[in-house]
Protein backbone atom coordinates (compact mmCIF):
# COMPACT_ATOMS: atom_id res chain seq x y z
CA PRO A 1 -13.88 -4.51 -19.44
CA PRO A 2 -13.72 -8.21 -19.90
CA GLY A 3 -16.93 -9.60 -21.68
CA LEU A 4 -17.27 -6.26 -24.45
CA SER A 5 -16.29 -7.24 -27.62
CA ARG A 6 -13.97 -4.98 -29.27
CA ASP A 7 -16.44 -3.16 -31.10
CA THR A 8 -18.29 -2.17 -27.82
CA VAL A 9 -17.77 1.42 -26.03
CA PRO A 10 -18.95 1.64 -22.37
CA GLY A 11 -20.23 4.71 -21.23
CA ARG A 12 -21.61 5.66 -18.22
CA PRO A 13 -24.53 7.55 -17.48
CA GLY A 14 -23.67 11.39 -17.25
CA ALA A 15 -20.82 10.87 -18.46
CA ASN A 16 -19.14 12.40 -21.51
CA VAL A 17 -17.79 9.89 -24.47
CA THR A 18 -15.69 10.42 -27.72
CA LEU A 19 -15.79 8.48 -30.87
CA THR A 20 -13.00 8.34 -33.02
CA CYS A 21 -13.77 7.34 -36.80
CA GLN A 22 -10.37 6.98 -38.14
CA ASP A 23 -7.15 7.35 -36.30
CA LYS A 24 -5.14 8.47 -39.05
CA GLY A 25 -7.31 9.68 -42.93
CA PRO A 26 -6.94 11.87 -45.35
CA VAL A 27 -7.94 15.28 -44.26
CA ASN A 28 -9.73 16.37 -46.72
CA VAL A 29 -12.78 14.49 -46.73
CA THR A 30 -16.11 14.59 -44.91
CA VAL A 31 -16.96 12.05 -42.82
CA SER A 32 -20.17 11.39 -41.06
CA TRP A 33 -22.02 9.89 -38.55
CA GLN A 34 -25.46 7.79 -37.97
CA VAL A 35 -26.91 5.59 -35.38
CA GLU A 36 -29.25 2.93 -35.83
CA GLU A 37 -32.89 4.27 -34.26
CA ARG A 38 -35.19 1.31 -32.13
CA GLY A 39 -36.19 -1.76 -34.48
CA ALA A 40 -33.29 -0.16 -37.13
CA ALA A 41 -32.46 -3.82 -37.40
CA VAL A 42 -36.13 -5.02 -37.83
CA VAL A 43 -37.80 -4.54 -41.81
CA GLY A 44 -38.52 -0.72 -42.40
CA GLY A 45 -35.85 0.34 -39.67
CA ARG A 46 -34.20 3.90 -40.18
CA SER A 47 -30.61 5.37 -39.22
CA ARG A 48 -30.88 9.39 -37.73
CA ARG A 49 -28.11 11.36 -39.62
CA LEU A 50 -25.61 12.97 -36.14
CA ALA A 51 -22.90 15.56 -36.96
CA GLU A 52 -19.96 15.56 -39.41
CA GLY A 53 -16.57 14.90 -39.06
CA ASN A 54 -13.85 12.15 -37.59
CA VAL A 55 -14.73 12.79 -34.31
CA LEU A 56 -18.30 12.47 -32.71
CA LEU A 57 -18.16 14.15 -28.95
CA LEU A 58 -21.27 12.55 -27.01
CA ARG A 59 -22.62 14.57 -23.56
CA ARG A 60 -23.79 13.42 -20.73
CA LEU A 61 -24.65 10.17 -22.64
CA ARG A 62 -28.12 8.53 -21.17
CA TYR A 63 -29.79 5.65 -21.54
CA GLU A 64 -31.32 6.05 -24.67
CA ASP A 65 -28.04 6.38 -26.08
CA SER A 66 -26.61 3.23 -26.40
CA GLY A 67 -26.76 1.68 -29.96
CA ARG A 68 -24.29 1.00 -32.89
CA TYR A 69 -22.32 4.41 -34.17
CA SER A 70 -21.19 4.33 -37.89
CA CYS A 71 -18.94 6.71 -39.26
CA TYR A 72 -19.38 6.98 -43.46
CA VAL A 73 -17.21 8.82 -46.17
CA GLY A 74 -18.93 9.45 -49.46
CA GLY A 75 -21.83 6.38 -48.15
CA ARG A 76 -18.82 3.46 -47.46
CA LEU A 77 -18.43 2.34 -44.46
CA LEU A 78 -15.92 3.30 -42.36
CA ARG A 79 -16.80 1.60 -38.97
CA SER A 80 -19.44 0.97 -36.94
CA LEU A 81 -19.17 0.75 -32.60
CA ARG A 82 -21.60 -0.04 -30.43
CA LEU A 83 -22.01 1.96 -27.68
CA LEU A 84 -23.58 0.63 -24.20
CA VAL A 85 -24.11 3.34 -21.54
CA GLU A 86 -24.78 0.87 -18.31
CA GLU A 87 -23.45 1.56 -15.17
CA PRO A 88 -21.25 -1.64 -14.12
CA PRO A 89 -22.83 -3.89 -11.85
CA GLU A 90 -22.07 -3.94 -8.16
CA THR A 91 -20.36 -6.91 -7.05
CA PRO A 92 -22.93 -9.31 -5.18
CA ARG A 93 -22.35 -9.42 -1.68
CA VAL A 94 -24.92 -13.14 -1.02
CA SER A 95 -25.59 -14.11 2.69
CA CYS A 96 -27.52 -17.68 3.29
CA TYR A 97 -29.04 -19.15 6.33
CA ARG A 98 -30.86 -22.25 7.40
CA ARG A 99 -33.49 -21.07 9.84
CA SER A 100 -33.18 -25.13 11.28
CA HIS A 101 -31.69 -28.50 10.15
CA ASP A 102 -35.09 -29.09 8.67
CA LYS A 103 -35.39 -26.15 6.58
CA ASP A 104 -33.74 -25.16 3.12
CA VAL A 105 -30.97 -22.39 2.69
CA LEU A 106 -32.22 -18.83 1.81
CA CYS A 107 -29.77 -16.96 -0.03
CA GLU A 108 -30.16 -13.24 -0.68
CA TRP A 109 -28.40 -10.22 -2.41
CA PRO A 110 -29.56 -7.00 -1.55
CA LEU A 111 -28.73 -4.34 -4.08
CA ARG A 112 -28.19 -1.44 -2.84
CA ALA A 113 -28.69 0.95 -6.48
CA LYS A 114 -31.06 0.15 -9.06
CA PRO A 115 -29.13 -2.03 -11.51
CA SER A 116 -28.73 -0.68 -15.55
CA PRO A 117 -31.69 -1.58 -17.65
CA GLY A 118 -31.17 -4.82 -19.33
CA THR A 119 -29.17 -6.18 -16.32
CA ARG A 120 -28.96 -9.90 -16.87
CA ALA A 121 -27.51 -12.44 -13.20
CA MET A 122 -27.57 -16.08 -13.08
CA LEU A 123 -27.38 -17.98 -10.05
CA TRP A 124 -25.58 -21.33 -10.40
CA VAL A 125 -25.67 -23.98 -7.39
């Protein structure tokens, strides 16, 4: 989707996603995966070790699965991907009205479903 960086992998809640470390690589090396735990960017943050293998399959995604997934061979970073789990935002349906000519214009954007955590919206007038 537009607006996502090349290292960002989108996923929907409940879906499965496959992360691949290397497109082509040696077959006799051990690839290990880690995910940054919440707050890992600050001092004392930790990474949690995951499965081994060139491919990491994440099943039934939850919002909490969002994060930075990195694969390593012998402690050397090969690739780092950001998994973003969220529902795509719905197309806005904005309606505006004015009760009378001397009143302000009021605009509404009713939502059909609750947006994903972290969703932000801006209105420019």
